[in-house]
């Protein structure tokens, strides 16, 4: 492919990822394999996807900003805890390297598939337990942040469950908080990753541009399109990827 077609392919990856991220979650299950298809090594593709998808939550945060007017201190605290975990995850990704990352990819993909397929049930469980254990919610925010910084596919569903566990009862507000907290986690992970030398910057910028446009599109059309079929498509891709990494490393 020519340079222009390569960049167009990567912009398309970001565009799809941005739409999926806002509407159903699991954008990395699209962007990660597309970066691999573009010829990036797995560790570089992972770090580049994290940095490139960093602003994809911005449109969702802006569109649902009015839902974040209450309990701002709680929103910020949860975002900080998740961001701290994301920094740890990003540092572990760099420190442990590809030798540790590659064997763990199938397990992470399975986690992502489960989170996407059963995210609603996980959220209902969190809602049922809403406010009963704030310490458990904060621990979940921290661990989800570590996962977000290290790999992160499907982590938005885990954040929604933690938001409910922390005491939120509104699905609409929980979605808004998920976007806000996810933005904080991505920002926290992107900063150290950008200093590691793992990021392919031309690819990251292309994904970033596509992700911003896709996030804006997803935020506008999500109220008109059914999310369940999209979740099954994303989860199906994750299952295919898990099989590929497990049996054809």
C-alpha atoms as a PDB file:
ATOM      1  CA  UNK A   1       0.000   0.000   0.000  1.00  0.00           C
ATOM      2  CA  UNK A   2       1.058   3.598  -0.564  1.00  0.00           C
ATOM      3  CA  UNK A   3       1.615   5.995   2.325  1.00  0.00           C
ATOM      4  CA  UNK A   4      -1.736   7.658   1.579  1.00  0.00           C
ATOM      5  CA  UNK A   5      -3.617   4.348   1.532  1.00  0.00           C
ATOM      6  CA  UNK A   6      -1.851   3.260   4.726  1.00  0.00           C
ATOM      7  CA  UNK A   7      -2.913   6.444   6.516  1.00  0.00           C
ATOM      8  CA  UNK A   8      -6.436   6.195   5.098  1.00  0.00           C
ATOM      9  CA  UNK A   9      -6.672   2.646   6.425  1.00  0.00           C
ATOM     10  CA  UNK A  10      -5.556   3.815   9.878  1.00  0.00           C
ATOM     11  CA  UNK A  11      -7.973   6.769   9.871  1.00  0.00           C
ATOM     12  CA  UNK A  12     -10.711   4.265   9.030  1.00  0.00           C
ATOM     13  CA  UNK A  13      -9.565   2.129  11.971  1.00  0.00           C
ATOM     14  CA  UNK A  14      -9.897   5.128  14.276  1.00  0.00           C
ATOM     15  CA  UNK A  15     -13.259   6.079  12.776  1.00  0.00           C
ATOM     16  CA  UNK A  16     -14.716   2.629  13.386  1.00  0.00           C
ATOM     17  CA  UNK A  17     -13.147   2.526  16.832  1.00  0.00           C
ATOM     18  CA  UNK A  18     -14.580   5.910  17.789  1.00  0.00           C
ATOM     19  CA  UNK A  19     -18.094   4.944  16.736  1.00  0.00           C
ATOM     20  CA  UNK A  20     -17.920   1.570  18.484  1.00  0.00           C
ATOM     21  CA  UNK A  21     -16.370   3.053  21.618  1.00  0.00           C
ATOM     22  CA  UNK A  22     -19.242   5.443  22.257  1.00  0.00           C
ATOM     23  CA  UNK A  23     -22.038   3.125  21.135  1.00  0.00           C
ATOM     24  CA  UNK A  24     -21.035  -0.274  22.488  1.00  0.00           C
ATOM     25  CA  UNK A  25     -17.496  -0.165  23.848  1.00  0.00           C
ATOM     26  CA  UNK A  26     -14.606  -2.392  22.863  1.00  0.00           C
ATOM     27  CA  UNK A  27     -13.061  -0.076  20.250  1.00  0.00           C
ATOM     28  CA  UNK A  28      -9.671  -1.692  20.722  1.00  0.00           C
ATOM     29  CA  UNK A  29     -11.036  -4.988  19.404  1.00  0.00           C
ATOM     30  CA  UNK A  30     -11.327  -3.205  16.044  1.00  0.00           C
ATOM     31  CA  UNK A  31      -8.321  -0.899  16.166  1.00  0.00           C
ATOM     32  CA  UNK A  32      -5.758  -3.373  17.548  1.00  0.00           C
ATOM     33  CA  UNK A  33      -6.101  -5.963  14.735  1.00  0.00           C
ATOM     34  CA  UNK A  34      -6.211  -3.220  12.091  1.00  0.00           C
ATOM     35  CA  UNK A  35      -2.905  -1.874  13.398  1.00  0.00           C
ATOM     36  CA  UNK A  36      -1.512  -5.408  13.297  1.00  0.00           C
ATOM     37  CA  UNK A  37      -2.737  -5.684   9.708  1.00  0.00           C
ATOM     38  CA  UNK A  38      -0.900  -2.442   8.949  1.00  0.00           C
ATOM     39  CA  UNK A  39       2.327  -4.190   9.970  1.00  0.00           C
ATOM     40  CA  UNK A  40       2.892  -2.949  13.526  1.00  0.00           C
ATOM     41  CA  UNK A  41       4.334  -5.387  16.112  1.00  0.00           C
ATOM     42  CA  UNK A  42       1.785  -6.406  18.789  1.00  0.00           C
ATOM     43  CA  UNK A  43       3.268  -4.354  21.638  1.00  0.00           C
ATOM     44  CA  UNK A  44       3.596  -1.282  19.410  1.00  0.00           C
ATOM     45  CA  UNK A  45       0.069  -1.811  18.052  1.00  0.00           C
ATOM     46  CA  UNK A  46      -1.281  -2.007  21.608  1.00  0.00           C
ATOM     47  CA  UNK A  47       0.460   1.170  22.790  1.00  0.00           C
ATOM     48  CA  UNK A  48      -0.391   3.024  19.571  1.00  0.00           C
ATOM     49  CA  UNK A  49      -4.065   2.073  19.854  1.00  0.00           C
ATOM     50  CA  UNK A  50      -4.199   3.329  23.446  1.00  0.00           C
ATOM     51  CA  UNK A  51      -2.646   6.676  22.528  1.00  0.00           C
ATOM     52  CA  UNK A  52      -4.569   7.008  19.265  1.00  0.00           C
ATOM     53  CA  UNK A  53      -7.918   6.298  20.930  1.00  0.00           C
ATOM     54  CA  UNK A  54      -7.136   8.700  23.791  1.00  0.00           C
ATOM     55  CA  UNK A  55      -9.517  11.478  22.701  1.00  0.00           C
ATOM     56  CA  UNK A  56     -12.280   9.195  21.431  1.00  0.00           C
ATOM     57  CA  UNK A  57     -14.227   9.736  24.675  1.00  0.00           C
ATOM     58  CA  UNK A  58     -14.174  13.547  24.324  1.00  0.00           C
ATOM     59  CA  UNK A  59     -17.336  13.781  22.173  1.00  0.00           C
ATOM     60  CA  UNK A  60     -19.202  11.480  24.564  1.00  0.00           C
ATOM     61  CA  UNK A  61     -18.090  13.500  27.600  1.00  0.00           C
ATOM     62  CA  UNK A  62     -19.169  16.737  25.907  1.00  0.00           C
ATOM     63  CA  UNK A  63     -22.527  15.416  24.713  1.00  0.00           C
ATOM     64  CA  UNK A  64     -23.426  14.058  28.177  1.00  0.00           C
ATOM     65  CA  UNK A  65     -21.718  16.832  30.183  1.00  0.00           C
ATOM     66  CA  UNK A  66     -24.965  18.027  31.779  1.00  0.00           C
ATOM     67  CA  UNK A  67     -25.346  14.628  33.440  1.00  0.00           C
ATOM     68  CA  UNK A  68     -22.133  15.237  35.397  1.00  0.00           C
ATOM     69  CA  UNK A  69     -23.290  18.334  37.288  1.00  0.00           C
ATOM     70  CA  UNK A  70     -24.093  16.431  40.487  1.00  0.00           C
ATOM     71  CA  UNK A  71     -21.483  14.884  42.779  1.00  0.00           C
ATOM     72  CA  UNK A  72     -18.572  16.354  40.841  1.00  0.00           C
ATOM     73  CA  UNK A  73     -16.146  15.533  43.630  1.00  0.00           C
ATOM     74  CA  UNK A  74     -17.178  11.881  43.451  1.00  0.00           C
ATOM     75  CA  UNK A  75     -16.742  11.816  39.655  1.00  0.00           C
ATOM     76  CA  UNK A  76     -13.290  13.368  39.916  1.00  0.00           C
ATOM     77  CA  UNK A  77     -12.171  11.047  42.718  1.00  0.00           C
ATOM     78  CA  UNK A  78     -13.255   7.957  40.774  1.00  0.00           C
ATOM     79  CA  UNK A  79     -11.470   9.265  37.678  1.00  0.00           C
ATOM     80  CA  UNK A  80      -8.271   9.910  39.655  1.00  0.00           C
ATOM     81  CA  UNK A  81      -8.297   6.408  41.170  1.00  0.00           C
ATOM     82  CA  UNK A  82      -8.825   4.830  37.737  1.00  0.00           C
ATOM     83  CA  UNK A  83      -6.140   7.065  36.231  1.00  0.00           C
ATOM     84  CA  UNK A  84      -3.643   5.975  38.881  1.00  0.00           C
ATOM     85  CA  UNK A  85      -4.302   2.369  37.937  1.00  0.00           C
ATOM     86  CA  UNK A  86      -3.890   3.220  34.247  1.00  0.00           C
ATOM     87  CA  UNK A  87      -0.431   4.690  34.888  1.00  0.00           C
ATOM     88  CA  UNK A  88       0.556   1.467  36.668  1.00  0.00           C
ATOM     89  CA  UNK A  89      -0.800  -0.605  33.770  1.00  0.00           C
ATOM     90  CA  UNK A  90       1.107   1.437  31.178  1.00  0.00           C
ATOM     91  CA  UNK A  91       4.340   1.144  33.160  1.00  0.00           C
ATOM     92  CA  UNK A  92       3.858  -2.629  33.490  1.00  0.00           C
ATOM     93  CA  UNK A  93       3.312  -2.898  29.731  1.00  0.00           C
ATOM     94  CA  UNK A  94       6.655  -1.226  29.081  1.00  0.00           C
ATOM     95  CA  UNK A  95       8.563  -2.920  31.899  1.00  0.00           C
ATOM     96  CA  UNK A  96       7.389  -6.473  31.207  1.00  0.00           C
ATOM     97  CA  UNK A  97       7.697  -6.196  27.428  1.00  0.00           C
ATOM     98  CA  UNK A  98       6.376  -8.303  24.582  1.00  0.00           C
ATOM     99  CA  UNK A  99       7.536 -11.622  26.049  1.00  0.00           C
ATOM    100  CA  UNK A 100       4.932 -11.255  28.814  1.00  0.00           C
ATOM    101  CA  UNK A 101       2.341  -9.329  26.773  1.00  0.00           C
ATOM    102  CA  UNK A 102       1.883 -11.786  23.897  1.00  0.00           C
ATOM    103  CA  UNK A 103       0.963 -14.879  25.981  1.00  0.00           C
ATOM    104  CA  UNK A 104      -1.557 -12.764  27.915  1.00  0.00           C
ATOM    105  CA  UNK A 105      -3.341 -11.344  24.854  1.00  0.00           C
ATOM    106  CA  UNK A 106      -5.802 -14.284  24.478  1.00  0.00           C
ATOM    107  CA  UNK A 107      -6.799 -13.972  28.149  1.00  0.00           C
ATOM    108  CA  UNK A 108      -7.318 -10.227  27.800  1.00  0.00           C
ATOM    109  CA  UNK A 109      -9.411 -10.753  24.668  1.00  0.00           C
ATOM    110  CA  UNK A 110     -11.573 -13.277  26.521  1.00  0.00           C
ATOM    111  CA  UNK A 111     -12.025 -10.739  29.346  1.00  0.00           C
ATOM    112  CA  UNK A 112     -13.059  -8.154  26.752  1.00  0.00           C
ATOM    113  CA  UNK A 113     -15.562 -10.518  25.121  1.00  0.00           C
ATOM    114  CA  UNK A 114     -17.112 -11.413  28.483  1.00  0.00           C
ATOM    115  CA  UNK A 115     -17.259  -7.754  29.504  1.00  0.00           C
ATOM    116  CA  UNK A 116     -18.975  -6.801  26.249  1.00  0.00           C
ATOM    117  CA  UNK A 117     -21.449  -9.683  26.160  1.00  0.00           C
ATOM    118  CA  UNK A 118     -22.321  -9.637  29.861  1.00  0.00           C
ATOM    119  CA  UNK A 119     -21.689  -5.963  30.605  1.00  0.00           C
ATOM    120  CA  UNK A 120     -25.397  -5.317  31.125  1.00  0.00           C
ATOM    121  CA  UNK A 121     -25.668  -8.132  33.667  1.00  0.00           C
ATOM    122  CA  UNK A 122     -22.523  -6.900  35.390  1.00  0.00           C
ATOM    123  CA  UNK A 123     -24.009  -3.427  35.531  1.00  0.00           C
ATOM    124  CA  UNK A 124     -27.267  -4.785  36.961  1.00  0.00           C
ATOM    125  CA  UNK A 125     -25.278  -6.573  39.652  1.00  0.00           C
ATOM    126  CA  UNK A 126     -23.481  -3.332  40.436  1.00  0.00           C
ATOM    127  CA  UNK A 127     -26.798  -1.490  40.505  1.00  0.00           C
ATOM    128  CA  UNK A 128     -28.274  -4.126  42.849  1.00  0.00           C
ATOM    129  CA  UNK A 129     -25.332  -3.595  45.181  1.00  0.00           C
ATOM    130  CA  UNK A 130     -25.317   0.185  44.676  1.00  0.00           C
ATOM    131  CA  UNK A 131     -23.695   2.061  47.531  1.00  0.00           C
ATOM    132  CA  UNK A 132     -23.235  -1.021  49.687  1.00  0.00           C
ATOM    133  CA  UNK A 133     -19.472  -1.121  49.471  1.00  0.00           C
ATOM    134  CA  UNK A 134     -17.708   2.054  48.396  1.00  0.00           C
ATOM    135  CA  UNK A 135     -14.296   0.542  49.168  1.00  0.00           C
ATOM    136  CA  UNK A 136     -15.000  -2.366  46.786  1.00  0.00           C
ATOM    137  CA  UNK A 137     -16.038   0.113  44.092  1.00  0.00           C
ATOM    138  CA  UNK A 138     -12.811   2.052  44.465  1.00  0.00           C
ATOM    139  CA  UNK A 139     -10.780  -1.155  44.328  1.00  0.00           C
ATOM    140  CA  UNK A 140     -12.623  -2.052  41.116  1.00  0.00           C
ATOM    141  CA  UNK A 141     -11.868   1.400  39.672  1.00  0.00           C
ATOM    142  CA  UNK A 142      -8.172   0.906  40.470  1.00  0.00           C
ATOM    143  CA  UNK A 143      -7.960  -2.602  38.977  1.00  0.00           C
ATOM    144  CA  UNK A 144      -9.940  -1.548  35.913  1.00  0.00           C
ATOM    145  CA  UNK A 145      -7.481   1.316  35.478  1.00  0.00           C
ATOM    146  CA  UNK A 146      -4.538  -1.110  35.544  1.00  0.00           C
ATOM    147  CA  UNK A 147      -6.253  -3.186  32.864  1.00  0.00           C
ATOM    148  CA  UNK A 148      -7.004  -0.045  30.828  1.00  0.00           C
ATOM    149  CA  UNK A 149      -3.358   1.010  30.862  1.00  0.00           C
ATOM    150  CA  UNK A 150      -2.060  -2.454  30.011  1.00  0.00           C
ATOM    151  CA  UNK A 151      -4.555  -3.494  27.320  1.00  0.00           C
ATOM    152  CA  UNK A 152      -8.015  -2.121  27.954  1.00  0.00           C
ATOM    153  CA  UNK A 153     -10.403  -3.682  25.441  1.00  0.00           C
ATOM    154  CA  UNK A 154     -13.908  -3.677  26.953  1.00  0.00           C
ATOM    155  CA  UNK A 155     -12.883  -1.878  30.136  1.00  0.00           C
ATOM    156  CA  UNK A 156     -15.726   0.634  29.788  1.00  0.00           C
ATOM    157  CA  UNK A 157     -18.219  -2.031  30.850  1.00  0.00           C
ATOM    158  CA  UNK A 158     -16.186  -2.704  33.988  1.00  0.00           C
ATOM    159  CA  UNK A 159     -16.212   1.017  34.764  1.00  0.00           C
ATOM    160  CA  UNK A 160     -20.011   1.178  34.431  1.00  0.00           C
ATOM    161  CA  UNK A 161     -20.347  -1.695  36.912  1.00  0.00           C
ATOM    162  CA  UNK A 162     -17.993   0.095  39.315  1.00  0.00           C
ATOM    163  CA  UNK A 163     -19.995   3.318  38.946  1.00  0.00           C
ATOM    164  CA  UNK A 164     -23.176   1.508  39.968  1.00  0.00           C
ATOM    165  CA  UNK A 165     -21.353  -0.219  42.808  1.00  0.00           C
ATOM    166  CA  UNK A 166     -20.225   3.214  43.995  1.00  0.00           C
ATOM    167  CA  UNK A 167     -23.849   4.225  44.461  1.00  0.00           C
ATOM    168  CA  UNK A 168     -25.118   5.568  41.125  1.00  0.00           C
ATOM    169  CA  UNK A 169     -28.689   4.563  40.179  1.00  0.00           C
ATOM    170  CA  UNK A 170     -29.202   6.316  36.830  1.00  0.00           C
ATOM    171  CA  UNK A 171     -28.141   4.449  33.695  1.00  0.00           C
ATOM    172  CA  UNK A 172     -27.840   7.750  31.802  1.00  0.00           C
ATOM    173  CA  UNK A 173     -25.561   9.296  34.418  1.00  0.00           C
ATOM    174  CA  UNK A 174     -23.561   6.056  34.700  1.00  0.00           C
ATOM    175  CA  UNK A 175     -22.872   6.205  30.958  1.00  0.00           C
ATOM    176  CA  UNK A 176     -21.760   9.826  31.243  1.00  0.00           C
ATOM    177  CA  UNK A 177     -19.485   8.964  34.171  1.00  0.00           C
ATOM    178  CA  UNK A 178     -18.071   6.009  32.223  1.00  0.00           C
ATOM    179  CA  UNK A 179     -17.040   8.331  29.392  1.00  0.00           C
ATOM    180  CA  UNK A 180     -15.518  10.831  31.834  1.00  0.00           C
ATOM    181  CA  UNK A 181     -13.598   8.206  33.812  1.00  0.00           C
ATOM    182  CA  UNK A 182     -12.478   6.457  30.615  1.00  0.00           C
ATOM    183  CA  UNK A 183     -11.106   9.743  29.309  1.00  0.00           C
ATOM    184  CA  UNK A 184      -9.106  10.160  32.523  1.00  0.00           C
ATOM    185  CA  UNK A 185      -7.764   6.602  32.305  1.00  0.00           C
ATOM    186  CA  UNK A 186      -6.788   6.961  28.651  1.00  0.00           C
ATOM    187  CA  UNK A 187      -5.092  10.280  29.339  1.00  0.00           C
ATOM    188  CA  UNK A 188      -3.144   8.833  32.268  1.00  0.00           C
ATOM    189  CA  UNK A 189      -2.039   5.813  30.215  1.00  0.00           C
ATOM    190  CA  UNK A 190      -1.194   7.829  27.099  1.00  0.00           C
ATOM    191  CA  UNK A 191       1.281  10.118  28.870  1.00  0.00           C
ATOM    192  CA  UNK A 192       3.785   7.455  30.027  1.00  0.00           C
ATOM    193  CA  UNK A 193       3.251   5.356  26.884  1.00  0.00           C
ATOM    194  CA  UNK A 194       4.122   8.351  24.713  1.00  0.00           C
ATOM    195  CA  UNK A 195       7.513   8.483  26.451  1.00  0.00           C
ATOM    196  CA  UNK A 196       8.396   4.810  26.048  1.00  0.00           C
ATOM    197  CA  UNK A 197       9.162   4.763  22.334  1.00  0.00           C
ATOM    198  CA  UNK A 198       6.472   2.128  21.771  1.00  0.00           C
ATOM    199  CA  UNK A 199       4.083   4.474  19.959  1.00  0.00           C
ATOM    200  CA  UNK A 200       4.085   4.673  16.150  1.00  0.00           C
ATOM    201  CA  UNK A 201       3.144   8.345  15.960  1.00  0.00           C
ATOM    202  CA  UNK A 202       2.008   8.523  12.336  1.00  0.00           C
ATOM    203  CA  UNK A 203      -0.397   5.656  13.010  1.00  0.00           C
ATOM    204  CA  UNK A 204      -1.477   7.130  16.357  1.00  0.00           C
ATOM    205  CA  UNK A 205      -2.316  10.514  14.795  1.00  0.00           C
ATOM    206  CA  UNK A 206      -4.295   8.834  12.007  1.00  0.00           C
ATOM    207  CA  UNK A 207      -6.264   6.777  14.539  1.00  0.00           C
ATOM    208  CA  UNK A 208      -6.745   9.890  16.688  1.00  0.00           C
ATOM    209  CA  UNK A 209      -8.272  11.871  13.818  1.00  0.00           C
ATOM    210  CA  UNK A 210     -10.574   9.012  12.863  1.00  0.00           C
ATOM    211  CA  UNK A 211     -11.484   8.378  16.504  1.00  0.00           C
ATOM    212  CA  UNK A 212     -12.574  11.974  17.096  1.00  0.00           C
ATOM    213  CA  UNK A 213     -14.860  11.903  14.067  1.00  0.00           C
ATOM    214  CA  UNK A 214     -16.139   8.439  14.933  1.00  0.00           C
ATOM    215  CA  UNK A 215     -16.784   9.406  18.546  1.00  0.00           C
ATOM    216  CA  UNK A 216     -18.847  12.396  17.448  1.00  0.00           C
ATOM    217  CA  UNK A 217     -20.840  10.227  15.030  1.00  0.00           C
ATOM    218  CA  UNK A 218     -21.382   7.503  17.621  1.00  0.00           C
ATOM    219  CA  UNK A 219     -22.519   9.991  20.250  1.00  0.00           C
ATOM    220  CA  UNK A 220     -25.157  11.363  17.882  1.00  0.00           C
ATOM    221  CA  UNK A 221     -26.536   8.144  16.427  1.00  0.00           C
ATOM    222  CA  UNK A 222     -26.400   5.847  19.468  1.00  0.00           C
ATOM    223  CA  UNK A 223     -29.946   6.817  20.461  1.00  0.00           C
ATOM    224  CA  UNK A 224     -31.281   5.621  17.092  1.00  0.00           C
ATOM    225  CA  UNK A 225     -29.418   2.356  16.574  1.00  0.00           C
ATOM    226  CA  UNK A 226     -29.752  -0.908  18.537  1.00  0.00           C
ATOM    227  CA  UNK A 227     -26.631  -1.610  20.584  1.00  0.00           C
ATOM    228  CA  UNK A 228     -27.088  -5.354  21.110  1.00  0.00           C
ATOM    229  CA  UNK A 229     -26.228  -6.442  17.515  1.00  0.00           C
ATOM    230  CA  UNK A 230     -23.161  -4.202  17.582  1.00  0.00           C
ATOM    231  CA  UNK A 231     -22.056  -5.754  20.866  1.00  0.00           C
ATOM    232  CA  UNK A 232     -22.343  -9.229  19.339  1.00  0.00           C
ATOM    233  CA  UNK A 233     -20.272  -8.152  16.343  1.00  0.00           C
ATOM    234  CA  UNK A 234     -17.556  -6.673  18.561  1.00  0.00           C
ATOM    235  CA  UNK A 235     -17.575  -9.725  20.847  1.00  0.00           C
ATOM    236  CA  UNK A 236     -17.410 -12.041  17.839  1.00  0.00           C
ATOM    237  CA  UNK A 237     -14.340 -10.240  16.568  1.00  0.00           C
ATOM    238  CA  UNK A 238     -12.773 -10.544  20.013  1.00  0.00           C
ATOM    239  CA  UNK A 239     -13.427 -14.297  20.041  1.00  0.00           C
ATOM    240  CA  UNK A 240     -11.826 -14.689  16.597  1.00  0.00           C
ATOM    241  CA  UNK A 241      -8.801 -12.709  17.749  1.00  0.00           C
ATOM    242  CA  UNK A 242      -8.495 -14.784  20.926  1.00  0.00           C
ATOM    243  CA  UNK A 243      -8.480 -18.005  18.872  1.00  0.00           C
ATOM    244  CA  UNK A 244      -5.942 -16.511  16.468  1.00  0.00           C
ATOM    245  CA  UNK A 245      -3.522 -15.535  19.256  1.00  0.00           C
ATOM    246  CA  UNK A 246      -4.076 -18.788  21.139  1.00  0.00           C
ATOM    247  CA  UNK A 247      -3.571 -21.230  18.273  1.00  0.00           C
ATOM    248  CA  UNK A 248      -1.603 -19.169  15.739  1.00  0.00           C
ATOM    249  CA  UNK A 249       0.775 -17.002  17.814  1.00  0.00           C
END
